[in-house]
Amino acid sequence: MKLIVSLSFFMFSSALLACPILQGRYHHCHSEIRQMKGEYIIDQHQENDYQVYNVQYIDDETGQSREDVIKSNSQKISRKETLPRVGVTVRIDASARCDAGFVTSDAEVYFLGAHVGSFVSKIYLEGKLLKSDADGSYLGRDVHKRIVCELKE
């Protein structure tokens, strides 16, 4: 019995250790796709046996704010989102998990019930840089998006 309890504790602790500590404010963001002027604020806490990341992006130019919640429990969550550049509303089915210091999300995108895209994104720290890498396809085109922000101290 002690072995089972010890093994369970080890597996639980290992899962939590795989999740990166991303909490903080990040500014001086840049993207390969478009200019960005704003900052990310990440609040992180534990819920049951997984990490929850509350991510807020504040756009300095427009004053608009966007918030996302990422739960690293591998459970699929569906949400509707309006794409800012085209004004089209899509459904996104996504799940996230932690592995090897990354928060990895898998997402499927649907428009009017038709599958129009798939993405895998990884969020991680490299020194004092917050990095987000998204790779996938949308409307038959390959998409590769990189965002890098500096920790605000």
C-alpha atoms as a PDB file:
ATOM      1  CA  MET A   1       0.000   0.000   0.000  1.00  0.00           C
ATOM      2  CA  LYS A   2       2.824   2.394   0.864  1.00  0.00           C
ATOM      3  CA  LEU A   3       4.344   1.731  -2.539  1.00  0.00           C
ATOM      4  CA  ILE A   4       1.098   2.657  -4.303  1.00  0.00           C
ATOM      5  CA  VAL A   5       0.731   5.863  -2.287  1.00  0.00           C
ATOM      6  CA  SER A   6       4.395   6.774  -2.857  1.00  0.00           C
ATOM      7  CA  LEU A   7       4.157   6.021  -6.574  1.00  0.00           C
ATOM      8  CA  SER A   8       0.951   8.062  -6.872  1.00  0.00           C
ATOM      9  CA  PHE A   9       2.560  10.999  -5.068  1.00  0.00           C
ATOM     10  CA  PHE A  10       5.629  10.787  -7.317  1.00  0.00           C
ATOM     11  CA  MET A  11       3.506  10.733 -10.483  1.00  0.00           C
ATOM     12  CA  PHE A  12       1.379  13.650  -9.200  1.00  0.00           C
ATOM     13  CA  SER A  13       4.494  15.673  -8.283  1.00  0.00           C
ATOM     14  CA  SER A  14       6.163  14.893 -11.610  1.00  0.00           C
ATOM     15  CA  ALA A  15       3.113  16.109 -13.537  1.00  0.00           C
ATOM     16  CA  LEU A  16       3.170  19.425 -11.663  1.00  0.00           C
ATOM     17  CA  LEU A  17       6.914  19.814 -12.169  1.00  0.00           C
ATOM     18  CA  ALA A  18       6.472  19.427 -15.926  1.00  0.00           C
ATOM     19  CA  CYS A  19       4.409  22.622 -15.989  1.00  0.00           C
ATOM     20  CA  PRO A  20       6.448  25.787 -16.411  1.00  0.00           C
ATOM     21  CA  ILE A  21       6.070  28.743 -14.067  1.00  0.00           C
ATOM     22  CA  LEU A  22       4.937  31.480 -16.454  1.00  0.00           C
ATOM     23  CA  GLN A  23       3.335  33.928 -14.015  1.00  0.00           C
ATOM     24  CA  GLY A  24       4.395  37.521 -14.635  1.00  0.00           C
ATOM     25  CA  ARG A  25       4.116  40.570 -16.883  1.00  0.00           C
ATOM     26  CA  TYR A  26       5.751  40.475 -20.287  1.00  0.00           C
ATOM     27  CA  HIS A  27       6.308  43.471 -22.564  1.00  0.00           C
ATOM     28  CA  HIS A  28       8.289  44.452 -25.686  1.00  0.00           C
ATOM     29  CA  CYS A  29       6.457  41.716 -27.590  1.00  0.00           C
ATOM     30  CA  HIS A  30       7.139  41.057 -31.226  1.00  0.00           C
ATOM     31  CA  SER A  31       5.714  38.651 -33.755  1.00  0.00           C
ATOM     32  CA  GLU A  32       6.913  37.413 -37.137  1.00  0.00           C
ATOM     33  CA  ILE A  33       3.447  38.029 -38.592  1.00  0.00           C
ATOM     34  CA  ARG A  34       2.562  41.547 -37.467  1.00  0.00           C
ATOM     35  CA  GLN A  35       3.621  44.454 -35.282  1.00  0.00           C
ATOM     36  CA  MET A  36       2.544  44.210 -31.657  1.00  0.00           C
ATOM     37  CA  LYS A  37       2.459  46.947 -29.050  1.00  0.00           C
ATOM     38  CA  GLY A  38       1.217  45.660 -25.766  1.00  0.00           C
ATOM     39  CA  GLU A  39       1.882  43.287 -22.945  1.00  0.00           C
ATOM     40  CA  TYR A  40       0.883  39.875 -21.671  1.00  0.00           C
ATOM     41  CA  ILE A  41      -0.075  39.335 -18.046  1.00  0.00           C
ATOM     42  CA  ILE A  42      -0.113  35.725 -16.895  1.00  0.00           C
ATOM     43  CA  ASP A  43      -1.593  34.606 -13.603  1.00  0.00           C
ATOM     44  CA  GLN A  44      -1.059  30.965 -12.718  1.00  0.00           C
ATOM     45  CA  HIS A  45      -2.521  28.704 -10.055  1.00  0.00           C
ATOM     46  CA  GLN A  46      -3.080  25.058  -9.298  1.00  0.00           C
ATOM     47  CA  GLU A  47      -6.554  23.543  -9.568  1.00  0.00           C
ATOM     48  CA  ASN A  48      -6.920  19.900  -8.491  1.00  0.00           C
ATOM     49  CA  ASP A  49      -3.938  18.157 -10.139  1.00  0.00           C
ATOM     50  CA  TYR A  50      -3.243  20.588 -12.993  1.00  0.00           C
ATOM     51  CA  GLN A  51      -2.112  24.172 -13.633  1.00  0.00           C
ATOM     52  CA  VAL A  52      -4.422  26.944 -14.812  1.00  0.00           C
ATOM     53  CA  TYR A  53      -2.961  29.874 -16.753  1.00  0.00           C
ATOM     54  CA  ASN A  54      -5.053  33.074 -16.994  1.00  0.00           C
ATOM     55  CA  VAL A  55      -3.539  34.963 -19.913  1.00  0.00           C
ATOM     56  CA  GLN A  56      -4.444  38.574 -20.652  1.00  0.00           C
ATOM     57  CA  TYR A  57      -3.121  40.568 -23.610  1.00  0.00           C
ATOM     58  CA  ILE A  58      -3.485  44.343 -23.449  1.00  0.00           C
ATOM     59  CA  ASP A  59      -3.024  46.122 -26.786  1.00  0.00           C
ATOM     60  CA  ASP A  60      -1.378  49.504 -26.164  1.00  0.00           C
ATOM     61  CA  GLU A  61      -2.573  50.956 -29.476  1.00  0.00           C
ATOM     62  CA  THR A  62      -6.273  50.096 -29.243  1.00  0.00           C
ATOM     63  CA  GLY A  63      -6.634  49.743 -25.474  1.00  0.00           C
ATOM     64  CA  GLN A  64      -8.449  46.472 -26.082  1.00  0.00           C
ATOM     65  CA  SER A  65      -7.876  43.497 -23.834  1.00  0.00           C
ATOM     66  CA  ARG A  66      -8.160  39.814 -24.649  1.00  0.00           C
ATOM     67  CA  GLU A  67      -8.285  37.055 -22.049  1.00  0.00           C
ATOM     68  CA  ASP A  68      -7.766  33.306 -22.348  1.00  0.00           C
ATOM     69  CA  VAL A  69      -7.792  30.536 -19.769  1.00  0.00           C
ATOM     70  CA  ILE A  70      -5.532  27.559 -20.388  1.00  0.00           C
ATOM     71  CA  LYS A  71      -6.131  24.476 -18.237  1.00  0.00           C
ATOM     72  CA  SER A  72      -3.344  21.906 -18.479  1.00  0.00           C
ATOM     73  CA  ASN A  73      -5.671  18.963 -17.802  1.00  0.00           C
ATOM     74  CA  SER A  74      -5.865  17.572 -21.385  1.00  0.00           C
ATOM     75  CA  GLN A  75      -9.645  18.093 -21.396  1.00  0.00           C
ATOM     76  CA  LYS A  76     -11.181  19.451 -24.597  1.00  0.00           C
ATOM     77  CA  ILE A  77     -12.848  22.852 -24.244  1.00  0.00           C
ATOM     78  CA  SER A  78     -14.963  24.434 -26.986  1.00  0.00           C
ATOM     79  CA  ARG A  79     -15.288  28.185 -27.383  1.00  0.00           C
ATOM     80  CA  LYS A  80     -16.415  30.634 -30.025  1.00  0.00           C
ATOM     81  CA  GLU A  81     -14.070  33.369 -31.080  1.00  0.00           C
ATOM     82  CA  THR A  82     -14.324  36.223 -33.556  1.00  0.00           C
ATOM     83  CA  LEU A  83     -11.187  36.532 -35.664  1.00  0.00           C
ATOM     84  CA  PRO A  84     -10.156  40.198 -35.394  1.00  0.00           C
ATOM     85  CA  ARG A  85      -8.852  40.822 -38.913  1.00  0.00           C
ATOM     86  CA  VAL A  86     -11.768  39.242 -40.786  1.00  0.00           C
ATOM     87  CA  GLY A  87     -14.639  39.533 -38.281  1.00  0.00           C
ATOM     88  CA  VAL A  88     -15.646  35.882 -38.743  1.00  0.00           C
ATOM     89  CA  THR A  89     -16.767  33.796 -35.770  1.00  0.00           C
ATOM     90  CA  VAL A  90     -15.280  30.305 -35.517  1.00  0.00           C
ATOM     91  CA  ARG A  91     -15.530  27.443 -33.021  1.00  0.00           C
ATOM     92  CA  ILE A  92     -12.272  26.291 -31.499  1.00  0.00           C
ATOM     93  CA  ASP A  93     -11.993  22.894 -29.790  1.00  0.00           C
ATOM     94  CA  ALA A  94      -8.771  22.840 -27.772  1.00  0.00           C
ATOM     95  CA  SER A  95      -6.998  20.928 -25.049  1.00  0.00           C
ATOM     96  CA  ALA A  96      -3.760  21.730 -23.218  1.00  0.00           C
ATOM     97  CA  ARG A  97      -1.180  19.795 -21.271  1.00  0.00           C
ATOM     98  CA  CYS A  98       2.235  20.351 -19.739  1.00  0.00           C
ATOM     99  CA  ASP A  99       5.243  18.434 -20.962  1.00  0.00           C
ATOM    100  CA  ALA A 100       8.961  19.033 -20.515  1.00  0.00           C
ATOM    101  CA  GLY A 101       8.585  22.687 -19.469  1.00  0.00           C
ATOM    102  CA  PHE A 102       6.102  23.605 -22.206  1.00  0.00           C
ATOM    103  CA  VAL A 103       2.375  24.299 -22.121  1.00  0.00           C
ATOM    104  CA  THR A 104       1.230  22.544 -25.286  1.00  0.00           C
ATOM    105  CA  SER A 105      -2.211  23.157 -26.790  1.00  0.00           C
ATOM    106  CA  ASP A 106      -3.853  21.238 -29.622  1.00  0.00           C
ATOM    107  CA  ALA A 107      -6.710  23.032 -31.389  1.00  0.00           C
ATOM    108  CA  GLU A 108      -9.177  22.292 -34.166  1.00  0.00           C
ATOM    109  CA  VAL A 109     -10.980  25.223 -35.844  1.00  0.00           C
ATOM    110  CA  TYR A 110     -14.486  25.025 -37.373  1.00  0.00           C
ATOM    111  CA  PHE A 111     -16.510  27.513 -39.436  1.00  0.00           C
ATOM    112  CA  LEU A 112     -20.227  26.782 -39.914  1.00  0.00           C
ATOM    113  CA  GLY A 113     -19.530  23.199 -38.837  1.00  0.00           C
ATOM    114  CA  ALA A 114     -16.773  22.608 -41.401  1.00  0.00           C
ATOM    115  CA  HIS A 115     -13.226  21.884 -40.238  1.00  0.00           C
ATOM    116  CA  VAL A 116     -11.012  24.751 -41.461  1.00  0.00           C
ATOM    117  CA  GLY A 117      -7.824  24.456 -39.412  1.00  0.00           C
ATOM    118  CA  SER A 118      -5.600  22.670 -36.915  1.00  0.00           C
ATOM    119  CA  PHE A 119      -2.903  24.109 -34.675  1.00  0.00           C
ATOM    120  CA  VAL A 120      -0.366  23.029 -32.094  1.00  0.00           C
ATOM    121  CA  SER A 121       1.022  25.785 -29.900  1.00  0.00           C
ATOM    122  CA  LYS A 122       3.734  25.708 -27.264  1.00  0.00           C
ATOM    123  CA  ILE A 123       4.255  28.391 -24.629  1.00  0.00           C
ATOM    124  CA  TYR A 124       7.475  28.391 -22.628  1.00  0.00           C
ATOM    125  CA  LEU A 125      10.180  30.466 -20.986  1.00  0.00           C
ATOM    126  CA  GLU A 126      13.680  30.776 -22.356  1.00  0.00           C
ATOM    127  CA  GLY A 127      15.636  32.741 -19.790  1.00  0.00           C
ATOM    128  CA  LYS A 128      13.584  35.912 -19.278  1.00  0.00           C
ATOM    129  CA  LEU A 129      11.790  35.580 -22.618  1.00  0.00           C
ATOM    130  CA  LEU A 130       8.242  34.280 -22.908  1.00  0.00           C
ATOM    131  CA  LYS A 131       7.898  32.439 -26.207  1.00  0.00           C
ATOM    132  CA  SER A 132       4.846  31.189 -28.035  1.00  0.00           C
ATOM    133  CA  ASP A 133       5.185  28.999 -31.123  1.00  0.00           C
ATOM    134  CA  ALA A 134       2.044  28.093 -33.095  1.00  0.00           C
ATOM    135  CA  ASP A 135       2.198  25.773 -36.088  1.00  0.00           C
ATOM    136  CA  GLY A 136      -0.612  24.344 -38.173  1.00  0.00           C
ATOM    137  CA  SER A 137      -2.858  24.969 -41.113  1.00  0.00           C
ATOM    138  CA  TYR A 138      -5.811  27.265 -41.740  1.00  0.00           C
ATOM    139  CA  LEU A 139      -7.932  27.200 -44.888  1.00  0.00           C
ATOM    140  CA  GLY A 140      -5.388  24.911 -46.542  1.00  0.00           C
ATOM    141  CA  ARG A 141      -2.401  27.175 -45.834  1.00  0.00           C
ATOM    142  CA  ASP A 142       0.474  26.457 -43.492  1.00  0.00           C
ATOM    143  CA  VAL A 143       0.636  28.853 -40.564  1.00  0.00           C
ATOM    144  CA  HIS A 144       3.685  29.430 -38.373  1.00  0.00           C
ATOM    145  CA  LYS A 145       3.442  32.178 -35.765  1.00  0.00           C
ATOM    146  CA  ARG A 146       6.140  33.116 -33.273  1.00  0.00           C
ATOM    147  CA  ILE A 147       5.688  35.625 -30.448  1.00  0.00           C
ATOM    148  CA  VAL A 148       8.493  36.670 -28.092  1.00  0.00           C
ATOM    149  CA  CYS A 149       8.064  38.958 -25.052  1.00  0.00           C
ATOM    150  CA  GLU A 150      10.446  40.116 -22.316  1.00  0.00           C
ATOM    151  CA  LEU A 151       9.754  39.632 -18.608  1.00  0.00           C
ATOM    152  CA  LYS A 152       8.949  43.015 -17.055  1.00  0.00           C
ATOM    153  CA  GLU A 153      10.883  43.408 -13.818  1.00  0.00           C
END
